[in-house]
Amino acid sequence: MNLHFKLFLLTAVTAVTPGVTILIKSRLRNFKASNYLSVIGCSLLLASSAHATNGYFMDGVGPKAQSMAGVGVALPQDSLAAASNPAGTGLVGNRMDVGFTWFSPERSARISGNLAGADGNYDGNEISAFVIPEIGYSREFSDRWSYGVAMYGNGGMNTGYSTNPFAAFGASGEAGVDLSQLIVTPSLAFRPTPGQSLGIAATFAYQRFEANGLQPFDNPYVSAQPGKVTNNGRDSAQGWGFKLGWIGHLGEDVMLGVSWSSKIETGTFSEYSGLFADRGGFDIPASYAAGISWNTSSSLTLAGDWQRIEYSGTGSVGNSLNLLFQGKPLGADGGPGFGWKDVDVVKLGAVYALNDSITLRGGVSHAGQPIPEGEAFINILAPAVIQDHASVGADWRSSLGEWTVSYTHAFEETVAGNGSIPSAFGGGEAELTMSQNILRFGWSSGF
């Protein structure tokens, strides 16, 4: 990541949220300005190593939402709520939230019945765990207006096969991809009445990508731009989108929420313009969601979300690999992709206030399968087949702030190919398997 982008991130912290500096000083009086700005900057750079669960989107942002399997459209609980619904910025008050996630995915692939000799079991866990930090800040500046900023990893995908699944086709070295995304979301919320909040947010996205060990696809018969397919180091792209949201009371104890995130056109990965459709395009798909929360008593709140992610709207993700055999090479306009389908995600969660100091949370979620059986071969690089999550978590409030911990298990899922390996590559089937463990910690303070 270059110096200009580092400076942009630090400028975003101080320009969009001028109270952050004051707050950090009050909490960390013994740090010099250069020290805490360096901490924020380094954390944001590390955030670009994020890896995700519903396809390549995060199941939830922030430990409170993650404790409920990502529920948050109608239940904002911290200043990171703008990631799900920018209207939440108007309902969480003055606060700062800092957290990090330990993320450990298990990904593997199996090839069988292949005439080229590729049969075998392949372990994609060259890197087995990742650390993902996040930070949020929100502040009311009048009776009706609030602003905030949330910085977090949106998603991504990483595989590293020390034994190359494509070696039988002429590949060499380790195979895999590394896609990472960092999102900066400054938000503004307006409360027209005490029970309503409207929100809007800009969304700046920075993403990086690297691919290795894909030499069989790097030739003029397969790619529109040979030499721009594999082993070209890290490339980056960035762009802007926006979010809209509303949260409102329906009676005294029920809240409804809706949100929409535009597609983010991030430009192209020029070093991989022979791999991704539309000459290296990899826009971040649009998504939208609706949610409900119900205070059943003074201690218990139940909530649920529905979300749709439009993976098919991004050619390099949604287009089928079969286009390659219909005269469309990799990297061409409208060219082949990973063949992902749009997915619907349903999330259910509960919050229980055990006492004045401790709050317990839990949740489950289920997502549609983005990867069709016929697209399993190319998705050896991105086996994002997870569908079901279960989460638990707790808050503990003390004089030093509020501490949150959550744990999520993404249950093992397998997609067995059906006509997945083209005859040009020897036929047979590819099978994809993934499971995940996610441990999240957070600290927050009101002011």
Protein backbone atom coordinates (compact mmCIF):
# COMPACT_ATOMS: atom_id res chain seq x y z
CA MET A 1 0.00 0.00 0.00
CA ASN A 2 1.52 3.32 -1.00
CA LEU A 3 2.21 6.37 1.16
CA HIS A 4 -0.59 8.42 -0.41
CA PHE A 5 -3.20 5.90 0.66
CA LYS A 6 -1.82 5.72 4.20
CA LEU A 7 -2.08 9.49 4.43
CA PHE A 8 -5.61 9.38 3.05
CA LEU A 9 -6.72 7.00 5.80
CA LEU A 10 -5.19 9.08 8.56
CA THR A 11 -6.74 12.21 7.07
CA ALA A 12 -10.14 10.50 6.98
CA VAL A 13 -9.91 9.80 10.71
CA THR A 14 -9.17 13.39 11.64
CA ALA A 15 -11.25 15.19 9.00
CA VAL A 16 -14.43 13.12 9.10
CA THR A 17 -14.36 12.56 12.86
CA PRO A 18 -12.54 15.44 14.57
CA GLY A 19 -13.51 14.13 18.02
CA VAL A 20 -11.47 10.95 17.64
CA THR A 21 -8.20 12.68 18.44
CA ILE A 22 -9.66 14.32 21.55
CA LEU A 23 -11.13 11.04 22.77
CA ILE A 24 -7.95 9.02 22.28
CA LYS A 25 -5.96 11.68 24.11
CA SER A 26 -8.32 11.49 27.06
CA ARG A 27 -7.92 7.70 27.24
CA LEU A 28 -4.23 7.43 26.38
CA ARG A 29 -2.74 10.52 27.95
CA ASN A 30 0.78 9.14 27.94
CA PHE A 31 0.89 8.59 24.17
CA LYS A 32 2.23 11.16 21.78
CA ALA A 33 0.09 12.10 18.80
CA SER A 34 2.42 10.32 16.43
CA ASN A 35 2.10 7.12 18.47
CA TYR A 36 -1.67 6.77 18.45
CA LEU A 37 -2.01 7.88 14.84
CA SER A 38 0.55 5.23 13.93
CA VAL A 39 -1.49 2.63 15.82
CA ILE A 40 -4.63 3.57 13.89
CA GLY A 41 -2.78 3.64 10.59
CA CYS A 42 -1.11 0.27 11.14
CA SER A 43 -4.41 -1.27 12.25
CA LEU A 44 -6.11 -0.09 9.10
CA LEU A 45 -3.36 -1.54 6.96
CA LEU A 46 -3.76 -4.86 8.74
CA ALA A 47 -7.52 -4.68 8.19
CA SER A 48 -6.92 -5.24 4.51
CA SER A 49 -6.17 -8.88 5.38
CA ALA A 50 -9.87 -9.53 6.13
CA HIS A 51 -11.50 -12.73 4.94
CA ALA A 52 -15.19 -13.42 4.93
CA THR A 53 -17.99 -15.91 5.34
CA ASN A 54 -21.19 -15.25 3.31
CA GLY A 55 -19.53 -15.67 -0.05
CA TYR A 56 -16.79 -13.11 0.45
CA PHE A 57 -18.85 -10.69 2.61
CA MET A 58 -18.44 -10.53 6.37
CA ASP A 59 -21.22 -12.16 8.38
CA GLY A 60 -21.21 -9.15 10.73
CA VAL A 61 -19.10 -6.09 11.59
CA GLY A 62 -18.18 -5.49 15.23
CA PRO A 63 -18.19 -8.00 18.10
CA LYS A 64 -21.73 -7.16 19.24
CA ALA A 65 -23.25 -7.86 15.82
CA GLN A 66 -20.98 -10.88 15.37
CA SER A 67 -22.25 -12.27 18.70
CA MET A 68 -25.67 -12.45 17.01
CA ALA A 69 -24.43 -13.97 13.72
CA GLY A 70 -24.36 -10.50 12.14
CA VAL A 71 -27.83 -9.18 13.10
CA GLY A 72 -27.90 -5.36 13.09
CA VAL A 73 -30.12 -3.74 10.44
CA ALA A 74 -32.78 -2.77 13.01
CA LEU A 75 -30.63 -3.17 16.13
CA PRO A 76 -27.67 -0.75 16.12
CA GLN A 77 -25.44 -1.49 19.12
CA ASP A 78 -22.22 0.42 18.48
CA SER A 79 -20.55 2.93 16.16
CA LEU A 80 -19.74 0.18 13.64
CA ALA A 81 -23.48 -0.16 12.98
CA ALA A 82 -23.18 2.00 9.85
CA ALA A 83 -21.62 -1.00 8.11
CA SER A 84 -25.07 -2.65 8.19
CA ASN A 85 -27.29 0.44 8.24
CA PRO A 86 -26.12 4.08 8.28
CA ALA A 87 -29.31 5.08 10.11
CA GLY A 88 -27.80 3.33 13.14
CA THR A 89 -25.35 6.22 13.54
CA GLY A 90 -28.28 8.32 14.77
CA LEU A 91 -29.22 5.89 17.55
CA VAL A 92 -26.00 4.82 19.27
CA GLY A 93 -24.99 8.15 20.88
CA ASN A 94 -21.46 9.40 21.45
CA ARG A 95 -19.01 6.53 21.51
CA MET A 96 -15.89 4.92 20.12
CA ASP A 97 -15.47 1.20 19.45
CA VAL A 98 -12.24 -0.66 18.76
CA GLY A 99 -12.00 -4.35 18.04
CA PHE A 100 -10.13 -7.14 16.33
CA THR A 101 -10.97 -10.58 15.02
CA TRP A 102 -9.01 -13.80 14.97
CA PHE A 103 -10.25 -15.64 11.89
CA SER A 104 -9.30 -19.23 11.08
CA PRO A 105 -10.74 -20.89 7.95
CA GLU A 106 -10.19 -24.50 6.91
CA ARG A 107 -10.37 -24.87 3.12
CA SER A 108 -9.64 -27.84 0.91
CA ALA A 109 -10.42 -29.34 -2.48
CA ARG A 110 -10.56 -32.81 -4.01
CA ILE A 111 -10.30 -33.81 -7.68
CA SER A 112 -11.48 -37.20 -8.91
CA GLY A 113 -11.95 -38.96 -12.26
CA ASN A 114 -9.58 -36.63 -14.10
CA LEU A 115 -7.88 -38.07 -17.19
CA ALA A 116 -5.00 -35.57 -17.02
CA GLY A 117 -3.78 -37.01 -13.71
CA ALA A 118 -4.95 -34.25 -11.34
CA ASP A 119 -6.77 -36.59 -8.94
CA GLY A 120 -5.97 -36.00 -5.27
CA ASN A 121 -6.79 -34.17 -2.06
CA TYR A 122 -5.49 -30.59 -1.79
CA ASP A 123 -5.01 -28.52 1.37
CA GLY A 124 -5.54 -24.78 0.83
CA ASN A 125 -4.39 -23.65 4.30
CA GLU A 126 -0.92 -22.28 3.58
CA ILE A 127 -1.95 -19.42 5.92
CA SER A 128 -4.25 -20.77 8.63
CA ALA A 129 -5.28 -17.66 10.62
CA PHE A 130 -5.73 -13.92 10.17
CA VAL A 131 -6.10 -10.92 12.48
CA ILE A 132 -8.60 -8.25 11.40
CA PRO A 133 -8.89 -4.95 13.33
CA GLU A 134 -11.75 -2.42 13.11
CA ILE A 135 -12.61 0.98 14.57
CA GLY A 136 -15.76 3.07 14.77
CA TYR A 137 -16.69 6.51 16.10
CA SER A 138 -20.02 8.32 16.37
CA ARG A 139 -21.10 11.67 17.79
CA GLU A 140 -24.29 13.69 18.14
CA PHE A 141 -23.79 17.32 17.16
CA SER A 142 -27.40 18.47 17.69
CA ASP A 143 -30.72 17.13 18.90
CA ARG A 144 -31.40 15.66 15.47
CA TRP A 145 -28.06 15.12 13.73
CA SER A 146 -25.23 12.65 14.27
CA TYR A 147 -22.13 11.75 12.31
CA GLY A 148 -19.67 8.90 12.46
CA VAL A 149 -17.07 6.82 10.69
CA ALA A 150 -16.53 3.07 10.58
CA MET A 151 -13.39 1.39 9.23
CA TYR A 152 -13.42 -2.37 8.77
CA GLY A 153 -12.58 -5.27 6.51
CA ASN A 154 -15.54 -6.00 4.24
CA GLY A 155 -14.39 -9.38 3.08
CA GLY A 156 -12.10 -11.24 0.77
CA MET A 157 -10.73 -14.69 0.08
CA ASN A 158 -7.41 -16.43 0.60
CA THR A 159 -6.20 -19.84 -0.54
CA GLY A 160 -2.70 -21.24 -0.59
CA TYR A 161 -2.12 -24.74 -2.00
CA SER A 162 1.46 -25.85 -1.42
CA THR A 163 0.62 -28.83 -3.67
CA ASN A 164 -0.73 -27.18 -6.80
CA PRO A 165 -4.12 -28.64 -7.92
CA PHE A 166 -3.36 -27.47 -11.47
CA ALA A 167 0.10 -29.05 -11.71
CA ALA A 168 -1.16 -31.84 -13.98
CA PHE A 169 -2.16 -29.17 -16.51
CA GLY A 170 1.30 -27.52 -16.49
CA ALA A 171 1.18 -25.26 -13.42
CA SER A 172 4.19 -24.80 -11.15
CA GLY A 173 4.80 -23.49 -7.67
CA GLU A 174 2.20 -22.83 -5.01
CA ALA A 175 -1.32 -22.05 -6.25
CA GLY A 176 -3.81 -19.66 -4.70
CA VAL A 177 -5.32 -16.22 -4.54
CA ASP A 178 -5.39 -13.44 -1.96
CA LEU A 179 -8.24 -10.93 -2.23
CA SER A 180 -8.66 -8.39 0.56
CA GLN A 181 -10.93 -5.37 1.04
CA LEU A 182 -10.79 -2.40 3.40
CA ILE A 183 -13.86 -0.16 3.78
CA VAL A 184 -14.00 3.38 5.20
CA THR A 185 -17.62 4.51 5.79
CA PRO A 186 -18.26 8.08 6.99
CA SER A 187 -21.98 8.43 7.81
CA LEU A 188 -24.54 11.12 8.59
CA ALA A 189 -27.88 10.46 10.33
CA PHE A 190 -30.98 12.61 10.87
CA ARG A 191 -33.69 11.99 13.46
CA PRO A 192 -36.92 13.63 12.19
CA THR A 193 -38.76 12.35 15.29
CA PRO A 194 -37.49 10.65 18.47
CA GLY A 195 -38.38 7.21 17.10
CA GLN A 196 -37.02 7.57 13.55
CA SER A 197 -33.54 7.78 12.01
CA LEU A 198 -32.50 8.27 8.39
CA GLY A 199 -28.91 7.66 7.35
CA ILE A 200 -26.60 8.15 4.40
CA ALA A 201 -22.97 7.10 4.09
CA ALA A 202 -20.18 7.29 1.58
CA THR A 203 -18.24 4.07 1.10
CA PHE A 204 -14.58 4.14 0.14
CA ALA A 205 -13.21 0.72 -0.76
CA TYR A 206 -9.59 -0.26 -1.22
CA GLN A 207 -8.85 -3.80 -2.37
CA ARG A 208 -5.75 -5.82 -3.17
CA PHE A 209 -5.33 -9.02 -5.14
CA GLU A 210 -2.65 -11.55 -5.95
CA ALA A 211 -2.77 -14.86 -7.85
CA ASN A 212 -0.10 -17.53 -8.18
CA GLY A 213 0.35 -20.91 -9.83
CA LEU A 214 -2.21 -20.46 -12.65
CA GLN A 215 0.14 -20.96 -15.61
CA PRO A 216 -2.26 -23.23 -17.58
CA PHE A 217 -4.64 -20.27 -17.95
CA ASP A 218 -1.87 -17.86 -19.04
CA ASN A 219 -1.76 -18.44 -22.79
CA PRO A 220 -3.39 -16.88 -25.88
CA TYR A 221 -5.85 -19.77 -26.23
CA VAL A 222 -7.35 -19.10 -22.79
CA SER A 223 -6.65 -15.46 -21.92
CA ALA A 224 -7.25 -12.26 -23.85
CA GLN A 225 -4.10 -10.81 -22.25
CA PRO A 226 -1.40 -13.42 -21.64
CA GLY A 227 1.11 -12.27 -19.07
CA LYS A 228 -1.63 -10.65 -16.98
CA VAL A 229 -3.00 -13.80 -15.37
CA THR A 230 -0.70 -15.07 -12.64
CA ASN A 231 2.42 -14.44 -10.54
CA ASN A 232 2.38 -10.66 -10.98
CA GLY A 233 2.56 -9.75 -7.28
CA ARG A 234 0.00 -7.65 -5.45
CA ASP A 235 -2.19 -5.26 -7.40
CA SER A 236 -4.70 -2.76 -5.99
CA ALA A 237 -7.88 -0.96 -6.97
CA GLN A 238 -10.16 1.50 -5.21
CA GLY A 239 -13.48 3.23 -5.66
CA TRP A 240 -16.54 4.81 -4.06
CA GLY A 241 -20.14 3.85 -3.40
CA PHE A 242 -22.81 4.88 -0.92
CA LYS A 243 -25.32 3.48 1.57
CA LEU A 244 -28.85 4.52 2.53
CA GLY A 245 -30.84 3.39 5.55
CA TRP A 246 -33.84 3.91 7.80
CA ILE A 247 -34.71 2.69 11.31
CA GLY A 248 -38.05 3.44 12.96
CA HIS A 249 -40.23 2.39 15.88
CA LEU A 250 -43.37 0.38 15.22
CA GLY A 251 -45.10 0.85 18.54
CA GLU A 252 -43.13 1.10 21.75
CA ASP A 253 -41.16 -2.15 21.67
CA VAL A 254 -40.60 -2.99 17.99
CA MET A 255 -38.14 -1.41 15.56
CA LEU A 256 -37.90 -1.96 11.81
CA GLY A 257 -34.94 -1.18 9.57
CA VAL A 258 -34.00 -1.24 5.90
CA SER A 259 -30.68 -0.51 4.19
CA TRP A 260 -29.16 -0.52 0.73
CA SER A 261 -25.52 -0.48 -0.37
CA SER A 262 -24.70 0.45 -3.96
CA LYS A 263 -22.31 -1.45 -6.15
CA ILE A 264 -18.79 -0.05 -5.68
CA GLU A 265 -16.96 0.38 -8.97
CA THR A 266 -13.36 -0.01 -7.95
CA GLY A 267 -11.52 0.22 -11.23
CA THR A 268 -9.46 -2.68 -12.55
CA PHE A 269 -6.62 -4.91 -11.40
CA SER A 270 -4.33 -4.05 -14.31
CA GLU A 271 -1.80 -6.76 -13.41
CA TYR A 272 -4.59 -9.37 -13.64
CA SER A 273 -6.48 -7.96 -16.61
CA GLY A 274 -6.03 -11.31 -18.40
CA LEU A 275 -7.70 -13.22 -15.54
CA PHE A 276 -10.77 -11.24 -14.48
CA ALA A 277 -13.64 -10.37 -16.80
CA ASP A 278 -13.89 -6.87 -18.24
CA ARG A 279 -10.09 -6.42 -18.38
CA GLY A 280 -9.45 -6.92 -14.68
CA GLY A 281 -12.71 -5.62 -13.24
CA PHE A 282 -13.66 -6.69 -9.73
CA ASP A 283 -16.41 -4.35 -8.49
CA ILE A 284 -17.91 -4.94 -5.04
CA PRO A 285 -21.52 -6.14 -5.47
CA ALA A 286 -24.60 -4.22 -4.34
CA SER A 287 -26.57 -5.53 -1.37
CA TYR A 288 -29.74 -4.66 0.51
CA ALA A 289 -31.36 -5.79 3.74
CA ALA A 290 -34.32 -5.51 6.09
CA GLY A 291 -34.50 -6.17 9.81
CA ILE A 292 -36.70 -6.22 12.90
CA SER A 293 -36.01 -6.08 16.64
CA TRP A 294 -38.47 -6.67 19.50
CA ASN A 295 -37.95 -5.78 23.17
CA THR A 296 -39.96 -8.63 24.66
CA SER A 297 -39.12 -7.48 28.20
CA SER A 298 -36.74 -5.14 29.98
CA SER A 299 -34.09 -7.86 29.78
CA LEU A 300 -34.64 -9.69 26.47
CA THR A 301 -34.50 -8.44 22.86
CA LEU A 302 -35.07 -10.67 19.83
CA ALA A 303 -33.97 -9.58 16.35
CA GLY A 304 -33.67 -10.82 12.80
CA ASP A 305 -32.29 -9.69 9.42
CA TRP A 306 -32.70 -10.67 5.80
CA GLN A 307 -29.95 -9.66 3.36
CA ARG A 308 -29.46 -10.15 -0.38
CA ILE A 309 -26.01 -9.95 -2.00
CA GLU A 310 -25.96 -9.51 -5.78
CA TYR A 311 -22.81 -11.39 -6.78
CA SER A 312 -24.13 -11.89 -10.32
CA GLY A 313 -23.90 -8.13 -10.91
CA THR A 314 -20.09 -8.31 -11.01
CA GLY A 315 -18.92 -10.10 -14.17
CA SER A 316 -15.68 -11.48 -12.78
CA VAL A 317 -17.62 -13.07 -9.91
CA GLY A 318 -20.96 -13.96 -11.52
CA ASN A 319 -20.11 -14.98 -15.09
CA SER A 320 -19.74 -18.69 -15.74
CA LEU A 321 -16.42 -20.33 -16.65
CA ASN A 322 -18.31 -22.03 -19.48
CA LEU A 323 -18.11 -18.76 -21.43
CA LEU A 324 -14.48 -19.75 -22.08
CA PHE A 325 -15.72 -22.57 -24.32
CA GLN A 326 -18.16 -20.28 -26.09
CA GLY A 327 -15.40 -18.06 -27.51
CA LYS A 328 -14.97 -15.65 -24.56
CA PRO A 329 -11.41 -15.77 -23.18
CA LEU A 330 -10.47 -14.81 -19.63
CA GLY A 331 -10.14 -11.04 -19.24
CA ALA A 332 -12.41 -10.22 -22.18
CA ASP A 333 -15.36 -7.87 -21.92
CA GLY A 334 -18.16 -10.03 -20.54
CA GLY A 335 -15.64 -12.84 -20.13
CA PRO A 336 -15.65 -15.85 -17.81
CA GLY A 337 -15.75 -15.58 -14.03
CA PHE A 338 -16.34 -17.74 -10.97
CA GLY A 339 -20.02 -18.39 -11.71
CA TRP A 340 -21.37 -17.25 -8.33
CA LYS A 341 -25.11 -16.81 -7.81
CA ASP A 342 -26.88 -14.10 -5.80
CA VAL A 343 -27.47 -15.20 -2.20
CA ASP A 344 -30.08 -14.54 0.47
CA VAL A 345 -28.92 -14.51 4.09
CA VAL A 346 -31.26 -14.93 7.08
CA LYS A 347 -29.96 -14.03 10.55
CA LEU A 348 -31.67 -14.48 13.95
CA GLY A 349 -30.32 -13.29 17.29
CA ALA A 350 -31.10 -12.51 20.92
CA VAL A 351 -29.74 -10.11 23.57
CA TYR A 352 -30.26 -10.81 27.29
CA ALA A 353 -29.26 -8.36 30.03
CA LEU A 354 -28.17 -10.67 32.84
CA ASN A 355 -27.56 -7.73 35.22
CA ASP A 356 -26.29 -4.15 35.13
CA SER A 357 -22.76 -5.30 34.23
CA ILE A 358 -23.18 -8.32 31.96
CA THR A 359 -25.12 -8.79 28.70
CA LEU A 360 -25.31 -12.10 26.84
CA ARG A 361 -25.90 -12.56 23.09
CA GLY A 362 -26.39 -15.38 20.65
CA GLY A 363 -27.47 -15.96 17.07
CA VAL A 364 -27.62 -18.19 14.02
CA SER A 365 -27.57 -17.47 10.29
CA HIS A 366 -28.14 -19.32 7.04
CA ALA A 367 -27.02 -18.23 3.57
CA GLY A 368 -27.80 -19.54 0.13
CA GLN A 369 -25.03 -21.39 -1.70
CA PRO A 370 -23.20 -18.99 -4.06
CA ILE A 371 -21.21 -21.68 -5.89
CA PRO A 372 -23.14 -23.95 -8.29
CA GLU A 373 -22.00 -27.57 -8.61
CA GLY A 374 -20.97 -26.99 -12.22
CA GLU A 375 -18.55 -24.18 -11.25
CA ALA A 376 -16.54 -26.11 -8.64
CA PHE A 377 -13.37 -26.40 -10.75
CA ILE A 378 -12.48 -22.69 -10.97
CA ASN A 379 -13.63 -22.21 -7.37
CA ILE A 380 -10.83 -24.38 -6.07
CA LEU A 381 -9.24 -20.93 -5.83
CA ALA A 382 -12.17 -19.51 -3.83
CA PRO A 383 -14.08 -22.30 -2.03
CA ALA A 384 -16.50 -19.94 -0.25
CA VAL A 385 -19.16 -22.61 0.30
CA ILE A 386 -20.11 -21.77 3.92
CA GLN A 387 -23.85 -21.50 4.60
CA ASP A 388 -24.53 -21.88 8.34
CA HIS A 389 -23.15 -19.97 11.36
CA ALA A 390 -23.78 -20.10 15.12
CA SER A 391 -22.54 -17.33 17.44
CA VAL A 392 -22.35 -16.53 21.15
CA GLY A 393 -20.93 -13.55 23.01
CA ALA A 394 -21.00 -11.34 26.09
CA ASP A 395 -20.39 -7.77 27.25
CA TRP A 396 -18.86 -6.73 30.56
CA ARG A 397 -19.15 -3.10 31.66
CA SER A 398 -16.53 -1.60 33.98
CA SER A 399 -15.11 1.78 34.93
CA LEU A 400 -12.60 1.36 32.10
CA GLY A 401 -15.27 0.93 29.42
CA GLU A 402 -17.25 -1.92 27.94
CA TRP A 403 -15.52 -5.15 26.92
CA THR A 404 -17.03 -7.56 24.40
CA VAL A 405 -16.08 -11.04 23.27
CA SER A 406 -17.78 -13.26 20.69
CA TYR A 407 -17.23 -16.64 19.09
CA THR A 408 -18.67 -17.87 15.79
CA HIS A 409 -18.44 -21.30 14.24
CA ALA A 410 -19.12 -21.64 10.53
CA PHE A 411 -20.18 -25.24 10.02
CA GLU A 412 -18.33 -27.38 7.49
CA GLU A 413 -19.94 -27.32 4.07
CA THR A 414 -19.05 -29.27 0.92
CA VAL A 415 -20.02 -28.65 -2.70
CA ALA A 416 -19.51 -31.74 -4.86
CA GLY A 417 -19.03 -30.92 -8.52
CA ASN A 418 -21.39 -32.06 -11.23
CA GLY A 419 -19.86 -31.75 -14.69
CA SER A 420 -17.44 -29.30 -13.12
CA ILE A 421 -14.13 -30.00 -14.91
CA PRO A 422 -14.29 -29.27 -18.67
CA SER A 423 -13.22 -32.05 -21.04
CA ALA A 424 -10.42 -29.78 -22.29
CA PHE A 425 -8.88 -30.22 -18.81
CA GLY A 426 -9.47 -33.97 -18.68
CA GLY A 427 -12.97 -34.03 -17.20
CA GLY A 428 -13.88 -35.43 -13.81
CA GLU A 429 -15.14 -33.59 -10.75
CA ALA A 430 -13.88 -31.04 -8.22
CA GLU A 431 -15.15 -31.00 -4.64
CA LEU A 432 -14.84 -27.98 -2.31
CA THR A 433 -14.93 -27.97 1.51
CA MET A 434 -14.69 -25.17 4.07
CA SER A 435 -15.33 -24.50 7.78
CA GLN A 436 -14.35 -21.55 9.97
CA ASN A 437 -13.77 -20.39 13.55
CA ILE A 438 -14.07 -16.69 14.39
CA LEU A 439 -13.07 -15.16 17.75
CA ARG A 440 -13.75 -11.43 18.17
CA PHE A 441 -12.80 -8.93 20.90
CA GLY A 442 -13.89 -5.34 21.37
CA TRP A 443 -13.64 -2.35 23.67
CA SER A 444 -15.95 0.64 23.66
CA SER A 445 -16.51 3.82 25.60
CA GLY A 446 -19.21 6.49 25.65
CA PHE A 447 -18.44 10.14 26.22
